[in-house]
């Protein structure tokens, strides 16, 4: 008799990852749509002050008569731009710095580690104020400040991961066989740390969105008429009781995006590391 066929096991689908993609995907779709179409011009104040939701303004208007739906759509685009821009700066600067620290001599490694700790302890808001003082209050200044603050976090994580990988036996075997250090980095180090880096960068994306909203709330972000969700929250403070939509809507969208991105990071961690996958 032939042996019974073995049942193939398929990796379980991460519903956390799927849910996160759906939530974040909705915001991405709105942000991309705003590049081609918005209901009104962002500086159009002909709608009347604090109009309630209805026609022709589906979500109403703000205290200046601007359409709230238009501002929310543009705010989604600004949130995505800030998150992607800050993560790009953090990855482009942080990963090479972490790699260099991981391969550096002991004294240089200790020096870099100390500098990274100082940068991480440096408040992002204060760094943003320094950047704004050197440039001007704009989305670009906020993204640069957040990206620079993120660089230290990414570099420290990369350094720790590289140090861990370099202690493995396959690195010793590769070097013994004559493999050059650049080949070791591209063939062994990066493939073994990219999963953890991807999860961390996804988490940093959510933190960057929150940081940009905080800076805009303080007037250090994107200037009018293209306002971010943080500035919308700041402007809606005075009218939160009479026109709550102006405060609730940007807050809800901000939570949806950040929760969605964090769920993507959690799902990626479960997918890339099966030992951490929760039973469902």
C-alpha atoms as a PDB file:
ATOM      1  CA  UNK A   1       0.000   0.000   0.000  1.00  0.00           C
ATOM      2  CA  UNK A   2       1.212   3.448  -0.787  1.00  0.00           C
ATOM      3  CA  UNK A   3       1.963   5.827   2.028  1.00  0.00           C
ATOM      4  CA  UNK A   4      -0.808   8.293   2.834  1.00  0.00           C
ATOM      5  CA  UNK A   5      -0.414  11.667   1.221  1.00  0.00           C
ATOM      6  CA  UNK A   6       0.946  14.295   3.550  1.00  0.00           C
ATOM      7  CA  UNK A   7      -1.199  17.317   4.056  1.00  0.00           C
ATOM      8  CA  UNK A   8       0.486  20.494   2.960  1.00  0.00           C
ATOM      9  CA  UNK A   9       0.281  23.309   5.420  1.00  0.00           C
ATOM     10  CA  UNK A  10      -0.249  26.795   4.091  1.00  0.00           C
ATOM     11  CA  UNK A  11       0.794  29.891   5.962  1.00  0.00           C
ATOM     12  CA  UNK A  12      -2.154  31.425   7.708  1.00  0.00           C
ATOM     13  CA  UNK A  13      -3.383  34.689   6.373  1.00  0.00           C
ATOM     14  CA  UNK A  14      -2.654  37.573   8.705  1.00  0.00           C
ATOM     15  CA  UNK A  15      -6.012  39.258   9.180  1.00  0.00           C
ATOM     16  CA  UNK A  16      -4.249  41.998  11.079  1.00  0.00           C
ATOM     17  CA  UNK A  17      -2.232  42.763   7.958  1.00  0.00           C
ATOM     18  CA  UNK A  18      -5.319  42.641   5.731  1.00  0.00           C
ATOM     19  CA  UNK A  19      -7.310  44.926   8.023  1.00  0.00           C
ATOM     20  CA  UNK A  20      -4.419  47.365   8.268  1.00  0.00           C
ATOM     21  CA  UNK A  21      -4.065  47.468   4.480  1.00  0.00           C
ATOM     22  CA  UNK A  22      -7.780  48.196   4.126  1.00  0.00           C
ATOM     23  CA  UNK A  23      -7.740  51.030   6.674  1.00  0.00           C
ATOM     24  CA  UNK A  24      -4.557  52.631   5.380  1.00  0.00           C
ATOM     25  CA  UNK A  25      -5.615  51.956   1.777  1.00  0.00           C
ATOM     26  CA  UNK A  26      -8.739  54.051   2.219  1.00  0.00           C
ATOM     27  CA  UNK A  27      -6.655  57.047   3.283  1.00  0.00           C
ATOM     28  CA  UNK A  28      -4.181  56.442   0.458  1.00  0.00           C
ATOM     29  CA  UNK A  29      -7.045  56.362  -2.040  1.00  0.00           C
ATOM     30  CA  UNK A  30      -8.416  59.655  -0.711  1.00  0.00           C
ATOM     31  CA  UNK A  31      -4.979  61.259  -0.828  1.00  0.00           C
ATOM     32  CA  UNK A  32      -4.355  60.114  -4.402  1.00  0.00           C
ATOM     33  CA  UNK A  33      -7.817  61.291  -5.449  1.00  0.00           C
ATOM     34  CA  UNK A  34      -7.051  64.749  -4.087  1.00  0.00           C
ATOM     35  CA  UNK A  35      -4.224  65.041  -6.626  1.00  0.00           C
ATOM     36  CA  UNK A  36      -6.755  64.919  -9.456  1.00  0.00           C
ATOM     37  CA  UNK A  37      -9.995  66.207  -7.940  1.00  0.00           C
ATOM     38  CA  UNK A  38     -11.386  68.004  -4.901  1.00  0.00           C
ATOM     39  CA  UNK A  39     -14.946  69.319  -4.523  1.00  0.00           C
ATOM     40  CA  UNK A  40     -13.854  72.957  -4.113  1.00  0.00           C
ATOM     41  CA  UNK A  41     -10.716  75.035  -4.292  1.00  0.00           C
ATOM     42  CA  UNK A  42      -8.895  74.951  -0.941  1.00  0.00           C
ATOM     43  CA  UNK A  43      -9.150  78.758  -0.612  1.00  0.00           C
ATOM     44  CA  UNK A  44     -12.819  78.980  -1.646  1.00  0.00           C
ATOM     45  CA  UNK A  45     -14.676  80.746   1.196  1.00  0.00           C
ATOM     46  CA  UNK A  46     -18.024  81.153  -0.554  1.00  0.00           C
ATOM     47  CA  UNK A  47     -19.745  78.339   1.332  1.00  0.00           C
ATOM     48  CA  UNK A  48     -20.801  80.347   4.379  1.00  0.00           C
ATOM     49  CA  UNK A  49     -19.420  80.068   7.891  1.00  0.00           C
ATOM     50  CA  UNK A  50     -19.908  76.854   9.903  1.00  0.00           C
ATOM     51  CA  UNK A  51     -22.528  75.344   7.611  1.00  0.00           C
ATOM     52  CA  UNK A  52     -23.761  71.927   8.854  1.00  0.00           C
ATOM     53  CA  UNK A  53     -23.238  68.761   6.783  1.00  0.00           C
ATOM     54  CA  UNK A  54     -25.524  68.567   3.778  1.00  0.00           C
ATOM     55  CA  UNK A  55     -25.735  69.774   0.210  1.00  0.00           C
ATOM     56  CA  UNK A  56     -23.753  71.227  -1.451  1.00  0.00           C
ATOM     57  CA  UNK A  57     -21.105  70.767   1.285  1.00  0.00           C
ATOM     58  CA  UNK A  58     -21.346  67.141   2.383  1.00  0.00           C
ATOM     59  CA  UNK A  59     -19.381  67.657   5.617  1.00  0.00           C
ATOM     60  CA  UNK A  60     -20.154  71.312   6.085  1.00  0.00           C
ATOM     61  CA  UNK A  61     -17.794  74.278   6.175  1.00  0.00           C
ATOM     62  CA  UNK A  62     -15.313  75.743   8.649  1.00  0.00           C
ATOM     63  CA  UNK A  63     -15.322  79.138  10.334  1.00  0.00           C
ATOM     64  CA  UNK A  64     -13.975  80.766   7.156  1.00  0.00           C
ATOM     65  CA  UNK A  65     -16.515  79.149   4.859  1.00  0.00           C
ATOM     66  CA  UNK A  66     -14.163  76.581   3.322  1.00  0.00           C
ATOM     67  CA  UNK A  67     -15.408  73.120   2.397  1.00  0.00           C
ATOM     68  CA  UNK A  68     -14.415  70.570   5.051  1.00  0.00           C
ATOM     69  CA  UNK A  69     -14.390  67.611   2.676  1.00  0.00           C
ATOM     70  CA  UNK A  70     -11.870  69.410   0.472  1.00  0.00           C
ATOM     71  CA  UNK A  71      -9.646  70.148   3.456  1.00  0.00           C
ATOM     72  CA  UNK A  72      -9.845  66.551   4.675  1.00  0.00           C
ATOM     73  CA  UNK A  73      -8.851  65.194   1.266  1.00  0.00           C
ATOM     74  CA  UNK A  74      -5.894  67.569   1.040  1.00  0.00           C
ATOM     75  CA  UNK A  75      -5.003  66.717   4.642  1.00  0.00           C
ATOM     76  CA  UNK A  76      -4.845  63.028   3.704  1.00  0.00           C
ATOM     77  CA  UNK A  77      -2.357  63.834   0.964  1.00  0.00           C
ATOM     78  CA  UNK A  78      -0.248  65.943   3.339  1.00  0.00           C
ATOM     79  CA  UNK A  79      -0.245  63.155   5.950  1.00  0.00           C
ATOM     80  CA  UNK A  80       0.960  60.631   3.376  1.00  0.00           C
ATOM     81  CA  UNK A  81       3.601  63.005   2.034  1.00  0.00           C
ATOM     82  CA  UNK A  82       4.929  63.671   5.529  1.00  0.00           C
ATOM     83  CA  UNK A  83       5.013  59.986   6.437  1.00  0.00           C
ATOM     84  CA  UNK A  84       6.674  58.843   3.225  1.00  0.00           C
ATOM     85  CA  UNK A  85       9.129  61.753   3.200  1.00  0.00           C
ATOM     86  CA  UNK A  86      10.205  61.318   6.822  1.00  0.00           C
ATOM     87  CA  UNK A  87      10.592  57.539   6.461  1.00  0.00           C
ATOM     88  CA  UNK A  88      12.619  58.012   3.273  1.00  0.00           C
ATOM     89  CA  UNK A  89      14.990  60.440   5.005  1.00  0.00           C
ATOM     90  CA  UNK A  90      15.294  58.177   8.034  1.00  0.00           C
ATOM     91  CA  UNK A  91      16.006  55.088   5.910  1.00  0.00           C
ATOM     92  CA  UNK A  92      18.421  56.737   3.465  1.00  0.00           C
ATOM     93  CA  UNK A  93      20.481  58.274   6.266  1.00  0.00           C
ATOM     94  CA  UNK A  94      19.893  55.807   9.103  1.00  0.00           C
ATOM     95  CA  UNK A  95      20.536  52.453   7.431  1.00  0.00           C
ATOM     96  CA  UNK A  96      23.999  53.312   6.005  1.00  0.00           C
ATOM     97  CA  UNK A  97      24.953  54.962   9.307  1.00  0.00           C
ATOM     98  CA  UNK A  98      23.873  51.872  11.226  1.00  0.00           C
ATOM     99  CA  UNK A  99      25.761  49.609   8.831  1.00  0.00           C
ATOM    100  CA  UNK A 100      28.913  51.712   9.232  1.00  0.00           C
ATOM    101  CA  UNK A 101      28.595  51.612  13.017  1.00  0.00           C
ATOM    102  CA  UNK A 102      28.058  47.856  12.982  1.00  0.00           C
ATOM    103  CA  UNK A 103      31.260  47.270  11.032  1.00  0.00           C
ATOM    104  CA  UNK A 104      33.307  49.977  12.764  1.00  0.00           C
ATOM    105  CA  UNK A 105      36.047  49.422  15.324  1.00  0.00           C
ATOM    106  CA  UNK A 106      35.063  49.299  18.965  1.00  0.00           C
ATOM    107  CA  UNK A 107      35.958  52.886  19.883  1.00  0.00           C
ATOM    108  CA  UNK A 108      34.283  54.315  16.772  1.00  0.00           C
ATOM    109  CA  UNK A 109      31.229  52.138  17.383  1.00  0.00           C
ATOM    110  CA  UNK A 110      30.974  53.408  20.960  1.00  0.00           C
ATOM    111  CA  UNK A 111      31.282  56.994  19.739  1.00  0.00           C
ATOM    112  CA  UNK A 112      28.546  56.558  17.122  1.00  0.00           C
ATOM    113  CA  UNK A 113      26.303  54.810  19.662  1.00  0.00           C
ATOM    114  CA  UNK A 114      26.715  57.709  22.096  1.00  0.00           C
ATOM    115  CA  UNK A 115      25.915  60.266  19.395  1.00  0.00           C
ATOM    116  CA  UNK A 116      22.819  58.310  18.381  1.00  0.00           C
ATOM    117  CA  UNK A 117      21.616  58.217  21.987  1.00  0.00           C
ATOM    118  CA  UNK A 118      22.024  61.997  22.198  1.00  0.00           C
ATOM    119  CA  UNK A 119      20.073  62.518  18.971  1.00  0.00           C
ATOM    120  CA  UNK A 120      17.292  60.206  20.127  1.00  0.00           C
ATOM    121  CA  UNK A 121      17.023  62.147  23.401  1.00  0.00           C
ATOM    122  CA  UNK A 122      16.826  65.445  21.469  1.00  0.00           C
ATOM    123  CA  UNK A 123      13.146  66.529  21.302  1.00  0.00           C
ATOM    124  CA  UNK A 124      11.655  66.394  17.816  1.00  0.00           C
ATOM    125  CA  UNK A 125       9.709  69.591  18.459  1.00  0.00           C
ATOM    126  CA  UNK A 126      12.864  71.513  19.347  1.00  0.00           C
ATOM    127  CA  UNK A 127      14.609  70.141  16.274  1.00  0.00           C
ATOM    128  CA  UNK A 128      11.622  71.233  14.169  1.00  0.00           C
ATOM    129  CA  UNK A 129      11.869  74.742  15.602  1.00  0.00           C
ATOM    130  CA  UNK A 130      15.558  74.887  14.658  1.00  0.00           C
ATOM    131  CA  UNK A 131      14.790  73.731  11.115  1.00  0.00           C
ATOM    132  CA  UNK A 132      11.926  76.230  10.813  1.00  0.00           C
ATOM    133  CA  UNK A 133      14.213  78.997  12.071  1.00  0.00           C
ATOM    134  CA  UNK A 134      16.747  78.087   9.375  1.00  0.00           C
ATOM    135  CA  UNK A 135      14.111  77.713   6.640  1.00  0.00           C
ATOM    136  CA  UNK A 136      10.463  78.624   7.197  1.00  0.00           C
ATOM    137  CA  UNK A 137       7.282  77.067   8.526  1.00  0.00           C
ATOM    138  CA  UNK A 138       6.344  74.629   5.785  1.00  0.00           C
ATOM    139  CA  UNK A 139       5.624  70.974   5.152  1.00  0.00           C
ATOM    140  CA  UNK A 140       9.176  70.509   3.886  1.00  0.00           C
ATOM    141  CA  UNK A 141      10.663  71.865   7.097  1.00  0.00           C
ATOM    142  CA  UNK A 142       8.459  69.580   9.194  1.00  0.00           C
ATOM    143  CA  UNK A 143       9.367  66.525   7.096  1.00  0.00           C
ATOM    144  CA  UNK A 144      13.090  67.281   7.315  1.00  0.00           C
ATOM    145  CA  UNK A 145      12.911  67.701  11.089  1.00  0.00           C
ATOM    146  CA  UNK A 146      10.938  64.480  11.571  1.00  0.00           C
ATOM    147  CA  UNK A 147      13.192  62.591   9.167  1.00  0.00           C
ATOM    148  CA  UNK A 148      16.347  63.724  10.964  1.00  0.00           C
ATOM    149  CA  UNK A 149      14.895  62.668  14.317  1.00  0.00           C
ATOM    150  CA  UNK A 150      13.928  59.317  12.793  1.00  0.00           C
ATOM    151  CA  UNK A 151      17.429  58.798  11.394  1.00  0.00           C
ATOM    152  CA  UNK A 152      18.891  58.180  14.836  1.00  0.00           C
ATOM    153  CA  UNK A 153      16.224  55.577  15.683  1.00  0.00           C
ATOM    154  CA  UNK A 154      16.716  53.700  12.414  1.00  0.00           C
ATOM    155  CA  UNK A 155      20.505  53.878  12.679  1.00  0.00           C
ATOM    156  CA  UNK A 156      20.540  52.484  16.221  1.00  0.00           C
ATOM    157  CA  UNK A 157      18.244  49.602  15.272  1.00  0.00           C
ATOM    158  CA  UNK A 158      20.324  48.841  12.170  1.00  0.00           C
ATOM    159  CA  UNK A 159      23.504  48.858  14.242  1.00  0.00           C
ATOM    160  CA  UNK A 160      22.041  46.383  16.762  1.00  0.00           C
ATOM    161  CA  UNK A 161      20.784  44.069  14.010  1.00  0.00           C
ATOM    162  CA  UNK A 162      24.094  44.156  12.148  1.00  0.00           C
ATOM    163  CA  UNK A 163      26.032  43.334  15.325  1.00  0.00           C
ATOM    164  CA  UNK A 164      23.748  40.361  15.915  1.00  0.00           C
ATOM    165  CA  UNK A 165      24.094  39.041  12.361  1.00  0.00           C
ATOM    166  CA  UNK A 166      27.902  39.373  12.374  1.00  0.00           C
ATOM    167  CA  UNK A 167      28.117  36.883  15.254  1.00  0.00           C
ATOM    168  CA  UNK A 168      26.478  34.107  13.202  1.00  0.00           C
ATOM    169  CA  UNK A 169      28.447  31.131  11.909  1.00  0.00           C
ATOM    170  CA  UNK A 170      27.483  31.696   8.279  1.00  0.00           C
ATOM    171  CA  UNK A 171      29.228  35.083   8.352  1.00  0.00           C
ATOM    172  CA  UNK A 172      32.408  33.406   9.569  1.00  0.00           C
ATOM    173  CA  UNK A 173      32.049  30.752   6.871  1.00  0.00           C
ATOM    174  CA  UNK A 174      31.534  33.414   4.194  1.00  0.00           C
ATOM    175  CA  UNK A 175      34.614  35.327   5.255  1.00  0.00           C
ATOM    176  CA  UNK A 176      36.657  32.119   5.478  1.00  0.00           C
ATOM    177  CA  UNK A 177      35.696  31.257   1.901  1.00  0.00           C
ATOM    178  CA  UNK A 178      37.031  34.628   0.738  1.00  0.00           C
ATOM    179  CA  UNK A 179      33.774  36.555   0.343  1.00  0.00           C
ATOM    180  CA  UNK A 180      34.389  40.310   0.413  1.00  0.00           C
ATOM    181  CA  UNK A 181      32.692  42.544   2.951  1.00  0.00           C
ATOM    182  CA  UNK A 182      30.473  44.252   0.324  1.00  0.00           C
ATOM    183  CA  UNK A 183      29.241  40.815  -0.776  1.00  0.00           C
ATOM    184  CA  UNK A 184      28.689  39.848   2.849  1.00  0.00           C
ATOM    185  CA  UNK A 185      26.588  42.970   3.372  1.00  0.00           C
ATOM    186  CA  UNK A 186      24.434  42.523   0.263  1.00  0.00           C
ATOM    187  CA  UNK A 187      24.252  38.737   0.410  1.00  0.00           C
ATOM    188  CA  UNK A 188      23.958  38.019   4.125  1.00  0.00           C
ATOM    189  CA  UNK A 189      23.518  41.080   6.329  1.00  0.00           C
ATOM    190  CA  UNK A 190      20.815  43.053   4.530  1.00  0.00           C
ATOM    191  CA  UNK A 191      18.630  40.016   3.685  1.00  0.00           C
ATOM    192  CA  UNK A 192      18.616  39.032   7.364  1.00  0.00           C
ATOM    193  CA  UNK A 193      17.735  42.453   8.763  1.00  0.00           C
ATOM    194  CA  UNK A 194      15.337  43.872   6.176  1.00  0.00           C
ATOM    195  CA  UNK A 195      12.268  42.224   7.726  1.00  0.00           C
ATOM    196  CA  UNK A 196      12.803  43.824  11.136  1.00  0.00           C
ATOM    197  CA  UNK A 197      13.676  47.128   9.480  1.00  0.00           C
ATOM    198  CA  UNK A 198      10.491  47.023   7.391  1.00  0.00           C
ATOM    199  CA  UNK A 199       8.363  46.537  10.504  1.00  0.00           C
ATOM    200  CA  UNK A 200      10.149  49.374  12.297  1.00  0.00           C
ATOM    201  CA  UNK A 201       9.825  51.730   9.319  1.00  0.00           C
ATOM    202  CA  UNK A 202       6.099  51.008   9.165  1.00  0.00           C
ATOM    203  CA  UNK A 203       5.828  51.976  12.826  1.00  0.00           C
ATOM    204  CA  UNK A 204       7.936  55.064  12.191  1.00  0.00           C
ATOM    205  CA  UNK A 205       5.537  56.051   9.399  1.00  0.00           C
ATOM    206  CA  UNK A 206       2.677  56.247  11.888  1.00  0.00           C
ATOM    207  CA  UNK A 207       4.811  58.220  14.334  1.00  0.00           C
ATOM    208  CA  UNK A 208       5.816  60.615  11.537  1.00  0.00           C
ATOM    209  CA  UNK A 209       2.167  61.275  10.681  1.00  0.00           C
ATOM    210  CA  UNK A 210       1.410  62.034  14.326  1.00  0.00           C
ATOM    211  CA  UNK A 211       4.496  64.241  14.598  1.00  0.00           C
ATOM    212  CA  UNK A 212       3.501  66.245  11.517  1.00  0.00           C
ATOM    213  CA  UNK A 213      -0.017  66.705  12.875  1.00  0.00           C
ATOM    214  CA  UNK A 214       1.448  67.922  16.174  1.00  0.00           C
ATOM    215  CA  UNK A 215       3.765  70.378  14.434  1.00  0.00           C
ATOM    216  CA  UNK A 216       0.920  71.663  12.261  1.00  0.00           C
ATOM    217  CA  UNK A 217      -1.226  72.049  15.370  1.00  0.00           C
ATOM    218  CA  UNK A 218       1.483  74.395  16.686  1.00  0.00           C
ATOM    219  CA  UNK A 219       1.736  76.272  13.387  1.00  0.00           C
ATOM    220  CA  UNK A 220       5.017  74.674  12.242  1.00  0.00           C
ATOM    221  CA  UNK A 221       3.607  72.553   9.429  1.00  0.00           C
ATOM    222  CA  UNK A 222       1.990  73.115   6.068  1.00  0.00           C
ATOM    223  CA  UNK A 223       0.646  76.693   5.752  1.00  0.00           C
ATOM    224  CA  UNK A 224      -2.867  77.570   4.481  1.00  0.00           C
ATOM    225  CA  UNK A 225      -4.726  77.055   2.228  1.00  0.00           C
ATOM    226  CA  UNK A 226      -3.417  73.472   2.001  1.00  0.00           C
ATOM    227  CA  UNK A 227      -3.993  72.578   5.618  1.00  0.00           C
ATOM    228  CA  UNK A 228      -3.102  69.355   7.368  1.00  0.00           C
ATOM    229  CA  UNK A 229      -5.312  67.521   9.829  1.00  0.00           C
ATOM    230  CA  UNK A 230      -3.314  68.975  12.717  1.00  0.00           C
ATOM    231  CA  UNK A 231      -4.016  72.559  11.669  1.00  0.00           C
ATOM    232  CA  UNK A 232      -7.672  71.686  11.115  1.00  0.00           C
ATOM    233  CA  UNK A 233      -7.843  70.427  14.696  1.00  0.00           C
ATOM    234  CA  UNK A 234      -6.210  73.607  15.952  1.00  0.00           C
ATOM    235  CA  UNK A 235      -8.610  75.861  14.040  1.00  0.00           C
ATOM    236  CA  UNK A 236     -11.656  73.850  15.141  1.00  0.00           C
ATOM    237  CA  UNK A 237     -10.953  74.290  18.857  1.00  0.00           C
ATOM    238  CA  UNK A 238     -13.023  77.451  19.156  1.00  0.00           C
ATOM    239  CA  UNK A 239     -16.044  75.965  17.375  1.00  0.00           C
ATOM    240  CA  UNK A 240     -15.954  72.367  18.601  1.00  0.00           C
ATOM    241  CA  UNK A 241     -19.305  72.719  20.402  1.00  0.00           C
ATOM    242  CA  UNK A 242     -21.170  74.572  17.658  1.00  0.00           C
ATOM    243  CA  UNK A 243     -19.614  72.709  14.668  1.00  0.00           C
ATOM    244  CA  UNK A 244     -18.098  69.445  15.956  1.00  0.00           C
ATOM    245  CA  UNK A 245     -17.532  67.951  12.489  1.00  0.00           C
ATOM    246  CA  UNK A 246     -14.496  70.174  11.953  1.00  0.00           C
ATOM    247  CA  UNK A 247     -12.768  68.615  14.964  1.00  0.00           C
ATOM    248  CA  UNK A 248     -14.125  65.066  14.836  1.00  0.00           C
ATOM    249  CA  UNK A 249     -13.493  64.316  11.149  1.00  0.00           C
ATOM    250  CA  UNK A 250      -9.718  65.033  11.013  1.00  0.00           C
ATOM    251  CA  UNK A 251      -9.226  63.307  14.360  1.00  0.00           C
ATOM    252  CA  UNK A 252     -11.009  60.164  13.158  1.00  0.00           C
ATOM    253  CA  UNK A 253      -9.047  60.052   9.899  1.00  0.00           C
ATOM    254  CA  UNK A 254      -5.779  60.525  11.773  1.00  0.00           C
ATOM    255  CA  UNK A 255      -6.627  57.626  14.073  1.00  0.00           C
ATOM    256  CA  UNK A 256      -7.683  55.429  11.134  1.00  0.00           C
ATOM    257  CA  UNK A 257      -4.412  56.014   9.286  1.00  0.00           C
ATOM    258  CA  UNK A 258      -2.157  55.490  12.300  1.00  0.00           C
ATOM    259  CA  UNK A 259      -4.050  52.401  13.493  1.00  0.00           C
ATOM    260  CA  UNK A 260      -4.015  50.990   9.962  1.00  0.00           C
ATOM    261  CA  UNK A 261      -0.255  51.478   9.603  1.00  0.00           C
ATOM    262  CA  UNK A 262       0.393  49.975  13.044  1.00  0.00           C
ATOM    263  CA  UNK A 263      -1.733  46.950  12.119  1.00  0.00           C
ATOM    264  CA  UNK A 264       0.295  46.580   8.918  1.00  0.00           C
ATOM    265  CA  UNK A 265       3.482  46.610  10.995  1.00  0.00           C
ATOM    266  CA  UNK A 266       2.018  44.033  13.395  1.00  0.00           C
ATOM    267  CA  UNK A 267       0.885  41.860  10.485  1.00  0.00           C
ATOM    268  CA  UNK A 268       4.276  42.090   8.829  1.00  0.00           C
ATOM    269  CA  UNK A 269       5.944  40.998  12.061  1.00  0.00           C
ATOM    270  CA  UNK A 270       3.646  37.980  12.278  1.00  0.00           C
ATOM    271  CA  UNK A 271       4.213  37.125   8.616  1.00  0.00           C
ATOM    272  CA  UNK A 272       7.985  37.560   8.583  1.00  0.00           C
ATOM    273  CA  UNK A 273       8.515  35.815  11.942  1.00  0.00           C
ATOM    274  CA  UNK A 274       6.290  32.703  12.127  1.00  0.00           C
ATOM    275  CA  UNK A 275       7.369  32.020  15.713  1.00  0.00           C
ATOM    276  CA  UNK A 276       5.504  35.155  16.785  1.00  0.00           C
ATOM    277  CA  UNK A 277       2.368  34.326  14.810  1.00  0.00           C
ATOM    278  CA  UNK A 278      -0.581  34.148  17.122  1.00  0.00           C
ATOM    279  CA  UNK A 279      -2.956  31.232  16.945  1.00  0.00           C
ATOM    280  CA  UNK A 280      -6.287  32.150  15.394  1.00  0.00           C
END
